[in-house]
Amino acid sequence: VQLQASGGGLVQAGGSLSVSCAASGRTFGNYAIGWFRQAPGKEREFVAAISWSGSSTYYADSVKGRFTVSRDNAKNTVYLQMNSLKPEDTAVYYCAARGGNWYPRSQYEYDYWGQGTQVTVSS
């Protein structure tokens, strides 16, 4: 499956932004999707994940209550709605896919990756 993340940009602290992950190539509904981010000089970290049906989601503590992950399998797209953004949310955001319904927080469990989209939150 091929993934392409989009929708990043520059936003002020406290603002909102939505990023998308569009998939192609294989049956999208067979894949759990994870969102990760990497800030300059830091390791890539888990942000959120969603099961293949969309019925289950999982969030990092740092974004819980502010970010919402959802998916539309008919459109082969996963969304990450980010609210109450903070400067520390600044990073390149990546989506990743793995076959099956398990949606782990480890990046090493994911088989396919998108190219990333930059999110910058100004203070």
N, C-alpha and C. Protein backbone atom coordinates (compact mmCIF):
# COMPACT_ATOMS: atom_id res chain seq x y z
N VAL A 1 0.85 -1.17 0.00
CA VAL A 1 0.00 0.00 0.00
C VAL A 1 0.90 1.24 0.00
N GLN A 2 0.51 2.24 -0.79
CA GLN A 2 1.26 3.50 -0.84
C GLN A 2 0.49 4.54 -0.04
N LEU A 3 1.23 5.33 0.74
CA LEU A 3 0.64 6.34 1.59
C LEU A 3 1.18 7.71 1.25
N GLN A 4 0.32 8.72 1.34
CA GLN A 4 0.74 10.09 1.13
C GLN A 4 0.07 10.99 2.14
N ALA A 5 0.88 11.59 2.98
CA ALA A 5 0.37 12.52 3.99
C ALA A 5 0.34 13.93 3.40
N SER A 6 -0.66 14.69 3.81
CA SER A 6 -0.79 16.06 3.34
C SER A 6 -1.55 16.89 4.37
N GLY A 7 -1.53 18.20 4.17
CA GLY A 7 -2.33 19.07 5.02
C GLY A 7 -1.56 19.81 6.08
N GLY A 8 -0.26 19.58 6.17
CA GLY A 8 0.52 20.30 7.16
C GLY A 8 0.60 21.78 6.84
N GLY A 9 1.16 22.53 7.77
CA GLY A 9 1.31 23.95 7.54
C GLY A 9 1.73 24.66 8.80
N LEU A 10 1.57 25.97 8.79
CA LEU A 10 1.94 26.83 9.91
C LEU A 10 0.69 27.32 10.61
N VAL A 11 0.67 27.19 11.93
CA VAL A 11 -0.49 27.62 12.70
C VAL A 11 0.00 28.21 14.02
N GLN A 12 -0.76 29.12 14.57
CA GLN A 12 -0.40 29.70 15.86
C GLN A 12 -0.79 28.76 17.00
N ALA A 13 -0.10 28.89 18.09
CA ALA A 13 -0.42 28.10 19.27
C ALA A 13 -1.89 28.31 19.65
N GLY A 14 -2.53 27.20 20.00
CA GLY A 14 -3.95 27.25 20.32
C GLY A 14 -4.85 27.00 19.13
N GLY A 15 -4.27 27.01 17.95
CA GLY A 15 -5.05 26.80 16.74
C GLY A 15 -5.24 25.34 16.41
N SER A 16 -5.86 25.11 15.24
CA SER A 16 -6.17 23.76 14.81
C SER A 16 -5.65 23.51 13.40
N LEU A 17 -5.42 22.25 13.13
CA LEU A 17 -4.95 21.84 11.81
C LEU A 17 -5.35 20.39 11.62
N SER A 18 -5.66 20.04 10.39
CA SER A 18 -5.98 18.65 10.07
C SER A 18 -5.03 18.14 9.01
N VAL A 19 -4.46 16.98 9.25
CA VAL A 19 -3.62 16.35 8.25
C VAL A 19 -4.30 15.06 7.80
N SER A 20 -4.02 14.70 6.56
CA SER A 20 -4.66 13.53 5.96
C SER A 20 -3.61 12.55 5.47
N CYS A 21 -4.02 11.31 5.37
CA CYS A 21 -3.16 10.26 4.84
C CYS A 21 -3.98 9.49 3.81
N ALA A 22 -3.64 9.65 2.56
CA ALA A 22 -4.35 8.98 1.48
C ALA A 22 -3.60 7.72 1.08
N ALA A 23 -4.33 6.64 0.90
CA ALA A 23 -3.72 5.36 0.59
C ALA A 23 -4.14 4.86 -0.78
N SER A 24 -3.30 4.10 -1.38
CA SER A 24 -3.62 3.47 -2.66
C SER A 24 -2.86 2.16 -2.76
N GLY A 25 -3.32 1.31 -3.63
CA GLY A 25 -2.59 0.09 -3.95
C GLY A 25 -3.23 -1.19 -3.47
N ARG A 26 -3.71 -1.23 -2.26
CA ARG A 26 -4.30 -2.46 -1.74
C ARG A 26 -5.56 -2.11 -0.96
N THR A 27 -6.26 -3.11 -0.51
CA THR A 27 -7.50 -2.88 0.21
C THR A 27 -7.20 -2.15 1.51
N PHE A 28 -7.54 -0.88 1.51
CA PHE A 28 -7.20 0.00 2.62
C PHE A 28 -7.81 -0.47 3.92
N GLY A 29 -9.00 -1.02 3.85
CA GLY A 29 -9.70 -1.45 5.05
C GLY A 29 -9.06 -2.60 5.77
N ASN A 30 -8.04 -3.21 5.19
CA ASN A 30 -7.33 -4.31 5.83
C ASN A 30 -6.14 -3.85 6.67
N TYR A 31 -5.95 -2.54 6.77
CA TYR A 31 -4.76 -2.02 7.42
C TYR A 31 -5.10 -1.12 8.60
N ALA A 32 -4.41 -1.35 9.70
CA ALA A 32 -4.42 -0.39 10.79
C ALA A 32 -3.45 0.74 10.42
N ILE A 33 -3.75 1.94 10.87
CA ILE A 33 -2.94 3.11 10.52
C ILE A 33 -2.44 3.78 11.79
N GLY A 34 -1.17 4.13 11.77
CA GLY A 34 -0.58 4.89 12.87
C GLY A 34 -0.08 6.23 12.39
N TRP A 35 -0.13 7.20 13.27
CA TRP A 35 0.47 8.51 13.03
C TRP A 35 1.67 8.65 13.96
N PHE A 36 2.77 9.14 13.39
CA PHE A 36 3.99 9.38 14.14
C PHE A 36 4.48 10.78 13.81
N ARG A 37 5.37 11.29 14.62
CA ARG A 37 5.96 12.59 14.33
C ARG A 37 7.41 12.60 14.74
N GLN A 38 8.16 13.45 14.08
CA GLN A 38 9.59 13.59 14.39
C GLN A 38 9.96 15.05 14.36
N ALA A 39 10.38 15.54 15.51
CA ALA A 39 10.86 16.91 15.63
C ALA A 39 12.36 16.94 15.38
N PRO A 40 12.90 18.08 15.00
CA PRO A 40 14.34 18.18 14.73
C PRO A 40 15.16 17.74 15.94
N GLY A 41 16.11 16.85 15.70
CA GLY A 41 16.99 16.40 16.76
C GLY A 41 16.38 15.39 17.71
N LYS A 42 15.16 14.96 17.41
CA LYS A 42 14.49 14.00 18.29
C LYS A 42 14.14 12.73 17.52
N GLU A 43 13.88 11.69 18.27
CA GLU A 43 13.47 10.44 17.66
C GLU A 43 11.99 10.52 17.23
N ARG A 44 11.66 9.69 16.27
CA ARG A 44 10.27 9.61 15.85
C ARG A 44 9.44 9.03 16.98
N GLU A 45 8.28 9.63 17.22
CA GLU A 45 7.45 9.18 18.32
C GLU A 45 6.02 8.92 17.86
N PHE A 46 5.38 8.03 18.59
CA PHE A 46 4.00 7.67 18.32
C PHE A 46 3.07 8.82 18.69
N VAL A 47 2.04 9.02 17.86
CA VAL A 47 1.05 10.05 18.12
C VAL A 47 -0.33 9.42 18.34
N ALA A 48 -0.77 8.63 17.36
CA ALA A 48 -2.12 8.06 17.44
C ALA A 48 -2.20 6.89 16.47
N ALA A 49 -3.20 6.05 16.68
CA ALA A 49 -3.42 4.93 15.78
C ALA A 49 -4.90 4.59 15.74
N ILE A 50 -5.29 3.93 14.66
CA ILE A 50 -6.69 3.59 14.47
C ILE A 50 -6.78 2.19 13.86
N SER A 51 -7.75 1.43 14.31
CA SER A 51 -7.94 0.08 13.80
C SER A 51 -8.47 0.11 12.38
N TRP A 52 -8.45 -1.06 11.73
CA TRP A 52 -8.85 -1.07 10.33
C TRP A 52 -10.30 -0.67 10.10
N SER A 53 -11.16 -0.92 11.07
CA SER A 53 -12.56 -0.53 10.92
C SER A 53 -12.82 0.90 11.37
N GLY A 54 -11.89 1.43 12.14
CA GLY A 54 -12.08 2.76 12.71
C GLY A 54 -12.79 2.74 14.05
N SER A 55 -13.12 1.57 14.54
CA SER A 55 -13.89 1.49 15.77
C SER A 55 -13.05 1.68 17.02
N SER A 56 -11.72 1.52 16.87
CA SER A 56 -10.83 1.66 18.02
C SER A 56 -9.70 2.63 17.68
N THR A 57 -9.38 3.46 18.66
CA THR A 57 -8.29 4.42 18.50
C THR A 57 -7.41 4.40 19.74
N TYR A 58 -6.22 4.95 19.58
CA TYR A 58 -5.22 4.92 20.65
C TYR A 58 -4.38 6.17 20.49
N TYR A 59 -4.10 6.85 21.62
CA TYR A 59 -3.38 8.12 21.56
C TYR A 59 -2.20 8.13 22.53
N ALA A 60 -1.19 8.86 22.15
CA ALA A 60 -0.12 9.17 23.09
C ALA A 60 -0.68 10.12 24.14
N ASP A 61 -0.14 10.01 25.34
CA ASP A 61 -0.62 10.87 26.43
C ASP A 61 -0.46 12.35 26.10
N SER A 62 0.56 12.67 25.34
CA SER A 62 0.85 14.08 25.04
C SER A 62 -0.19 14.73 24.14
N VAL A 63 -0.98 13.94 23.44
CA VAL A 63 -1.97 14.50 22.52
C VAL A 63 -3.39 14.13 22.89
N LYS A 64 -3.56 13.28 23.87
CA LYS A 64 -4.89 12.80 24.25
C LYS A 64 -5.76 13.97 24.65
N GLY A 65 -6.97 14.00 24.11
CA GLY A 65 -7.90 15.08 24.38
C GLY A 65 -7.76 16.26 23.44
N ARG A 66 -6.67 16.30 22.68
CA ARG A 66 -6.46 17.40 21.72
C ARG A 66 -6.51 16.91 20.27
N PHE A 67 -6.04 15.71 20.04
CA PHE A 67 -5.99 15.15 18.69
C PHE A 67 -7.06 14.07 18.54
N THR A 68 -7.58 13.96 17.33
CA THR A 68 -8.55 12.92 17.02
C THR A 68 -8.19 12.26 15.69
N VAL A 69 -8.08 10.94 15.71
CA VAL A 69 -7.80 10.20 14.49
C VAL A 69 -9.10 9.54 14.02
N SER A 70 -9.31 9.58 12.71
CA SER A 70 -10.50 8.97 12.13
C SER A 70 -10.15 8.48 10.74
N ARG A 71 -11.04 7.70 10.16
CA ARG A 71 -10.77 7.19 8.82
C ARG A 71 -12.07 7.05 8.05
N ASP A 72 -11.93 7.14 6.73
CA ASP A 72 -13.02 6.91 5.81
C ASP A 72 -12.51 5.88 4.80
N ASN A 73 -12.87 4.64 5.01
CA ASN A 73 -12.34 3.58 4.15
C ASN A 73 -12.87 3.68 2.72
N ALA A 74 -14.03 4.29 2.55
CA ALA A 74 -14.56 4.48 1.20
C ALA A 74 -13.70 5.45 0.41
N LYS A 75 -13.03 6.35 1.12
CA LYS A 75 -12.15 7.33 0.47
C LYS A 75 -10.68 6.97 0.62
N ASN A 76 -10.40 5.83 1.25
CA ASN A 76 -9.01 5.39 1.46
C ASN A 76 -8.18 6.47 2.15
N THR A 77 -8.77 7.08 3.16
CA THR A 77 -8.11 8.21 3.81
C THR A 77 -8.25 8.13 5.33
N VAL A 78 -7.18 8.48 6.01
CA VAL A 78 -7.17 8.62 7.46
C VAL A 78 -6.89 10.08 7.78
N TYR A 79 -7.53 10.58 8.80
CA TYR A 79 -7.41 11.98 9.18
C TYR A 79 -6.85 12.09 10.60
N LEU A 80 -6.11 13.15 10.83
CA LEU A 80 -5.66 13.48 12.17
C LEU A 80 -6.04 14.94 12.41
N GLN A 81 -7.07 15.13 13.21
CA GLN A 81 -7.51 16.48 13.57
C GLN A 81 -6.75 16.91 14.82
N MET A 82 -6.07 18.03 14.71
CA MET A 82 -5.23 18.50 15.81
C MET A 82 -5.76 19.83 16.32
N ASN A 83 -6.18 19.87 17.56
CA ASN A 83 -6.71 21.07 18.18
C ASN A 83 -5.81 21.51 19.33
N SER A 84 -5.99 22.73 19.75
CA SER A 84 -5.21 23.28 20.87
C SER A 84 -3.72 23.00 20.68
N LEU A 85 -3.25 23.31 19.51
CA LEU A 85 -1.86 22.99 19.18
C LEU A 85 -0.88 23.80 20.02
N LYS A 86 0.24 23.17 20.31
CA LYS A 86 1.30 23.77 21.12
C LYS A 86 2.59 23.81 20.30
N PRO A 87 3.50 24.71 20.63
CA PRO A 87 4.77 24.74 19.90
C PRO A 87 5.49 23.39 19.92
N GLU A 88 5.34 22.64 20.98
CA GLU A 88 6.00 21.34 21.06
C GLU A 88 5.38 20.29 20.14
N ASP A 89 4.27 20.62 19.49
CA ASP A 89 3.69 19.72 18.49
C ASP A 89 4.38 19.89 17.13
N THR A 90 5.25 20.87 17.02
CA THR A 90 5.97 21.10 15.77
C THR A 90 6.82 19.88 15.41
N ALA A 91 6.60 19.36 14.21
CA ALA A 91 7.30 18.14 13.78
C ALA A 91 6.87 17.82 12.35
N VAL A 92 7.57 16.86 11.77
CA VAL A 92 7.09 16.24 10.54
C VAL A 92 6.20 15.07 10.96
N TYR A 93 5.00 15.06 10.43
CA TYR A 93 4.03 14.03 10.78
C TYR A 93 3.98 12.97 9.68
N TYR A 94 4.06 11.72 10.08
CA TYR A 94 4.06 10.59 9.17
C TYR A 94 2.88 9.68 9.46
N CYS A 95 2.31 9.11 8.41
CA CYS A 95 1.34 8.04 8.60
C CYS A 95 2.00 6.73 8.17
N ALA A 96 1.56 5.66 8.81
CA ALA A 96 2.12 4.35 8.54
C ALA A 96 1.01 3.31 8.60
N ALA A 97 1.20 2.21 7.89
CA ALA A 97 0.18 1.17 7.82
C ALA A 97 0.77 -0.19 8.14
N ARG A 98 -0.05 -1.02 8.74
CA ARG A 98 0.33 -2.41 8.94
C ARG A 98 -0.91 -3.28 8.72
N GLY A 99 -0.72 -4.43 8.14
CA GLY A 99 -1.84 -5.33 7.89
C GLY A 99 -2.40 -5.88 9.19
N GLY A 100 -3.71 -6.07 9.22
CA GLY A 100 -4.33 -6.60 10.42
C GLY A 100 -4.96 -5.51 11.25
N ASN A 101 -5.56 -5.91 12.34
CA ASN A 101 -6.33 -4.97 13.15
C ASN A 101 -5.58 -4.45 14.37
N TRP A 102 -4.40 -4.98 14.60
CA TRP A 102 -3.61 -4.51 15.76
C TRP A 102 -2.96 -3.19 15.40
N TYR A 103 -2.99 -2.22 16.29
CA TYR A 103 -2.47 -0.90 16.00
C TYR A 103 -1.47 -0.50 17.08
N PRO A 104 -0.26 -1.03 17.01
CA PRO A 104 0.75 -0.80 18.05
C PRO A 104 1.31 0.61 18.03
N ARG A 105 2.00 0.98 19.09
CA ARG A 105 2.63 2.29 19.17
C ARG A 105 4.08 2.26 18.71
N SER A 106 4.62 1.08 18.47
CA SER A 106 6.00 0.99 18.01
C SER A 106 6.09 1.19 16.51
N GLN A 107 6.94 2.09 16.08
CA GLN A 107 7.08 2.35 14.65
C GLN A 107 7.61 1.13 13.91
N TYR A 108 8.29 0.26 14.61
CA TYR A 108 8.91 -0.90 13.98
C TYR A 108 7.89 -1.97 13.61
N GLU A 109 6.67 -1.82 14.08
CA GLU A 109 5.60 -2.77 13.75
C GLU A 109 4.86 -2.39 12.48
N TYR A 110 5.19 -1.26 11.89
CA TYR A 110 4.49 -0.78 10.71
C TYR A 110 5.32 -1.06 9.46
N ASP A 111 4.64 -1.45 8.40
CA ASP A 111 5.32 -1.91 7.20
C ASP A 111 5.43 -0.86 6.10
N TYR A 112 4.48 0.05 6.05
CA TYR A 112 4.42 1.03 4.97
C TYR A 112 4.36 2.44 5.57
N TRP A 113 5.08 3.36 4.91
CA TRP A 113 5.18 4.73 5.42
C TRP A 113 4.92 5.74 4.33
N GLY A 114 4.28 6.83 4.72
CA GLY A 114 4.14 7.97 3.83
C GLY A 114 5.36 8.86 3.94
N GLN A 115 5.40 9.92 3.16
CA GLN A 115 6.59 10.77 3.09
C GLN A 115 6.63 11.84 4.15
N GLY A 116 5.57 12.07 4.89
CA GLY A 116 5.58 13.06 5.95
C GLY A 116 5.10 14.42 5.50
N THR A 117 4.51 15.15 6.43
CA THR A 117 4.07 16.52 6.18
C THR A 117 4.45 17.37 7.37
N GLN A 118 4.96 18.57 7.10
CA GLN A 118 5.47 19.44 8.16
C GLN A 118 4.33 20.19 8.85
N VAL A 119 4.34 20.15 10.16
CA VAL A 119 3.43 20.94 10.98
C VAL A 119 4.28 21.84 11.87
N THR A 120 4.04 23.14 11.77
CA THR A 120 4.79 24.10 12.56
C THR A 120 3.81 24.94 13.37
N VAL A 121 4.02 24.96 14.69
CA VAL A 121 3.16 25.72 15.58
C VAL A 121 3.99 26.85 16.17
N SER A 122 3.58 28.06 15.90
CA SER A 122 4.31 29.23 16.39
C SER A 122 3.74 29.68 17.73
N SER A 123 4.62 30.21 18.55
CA SER A 123 4.18 30.65 19.89
C SER A 123 3.74 32.10 19.88
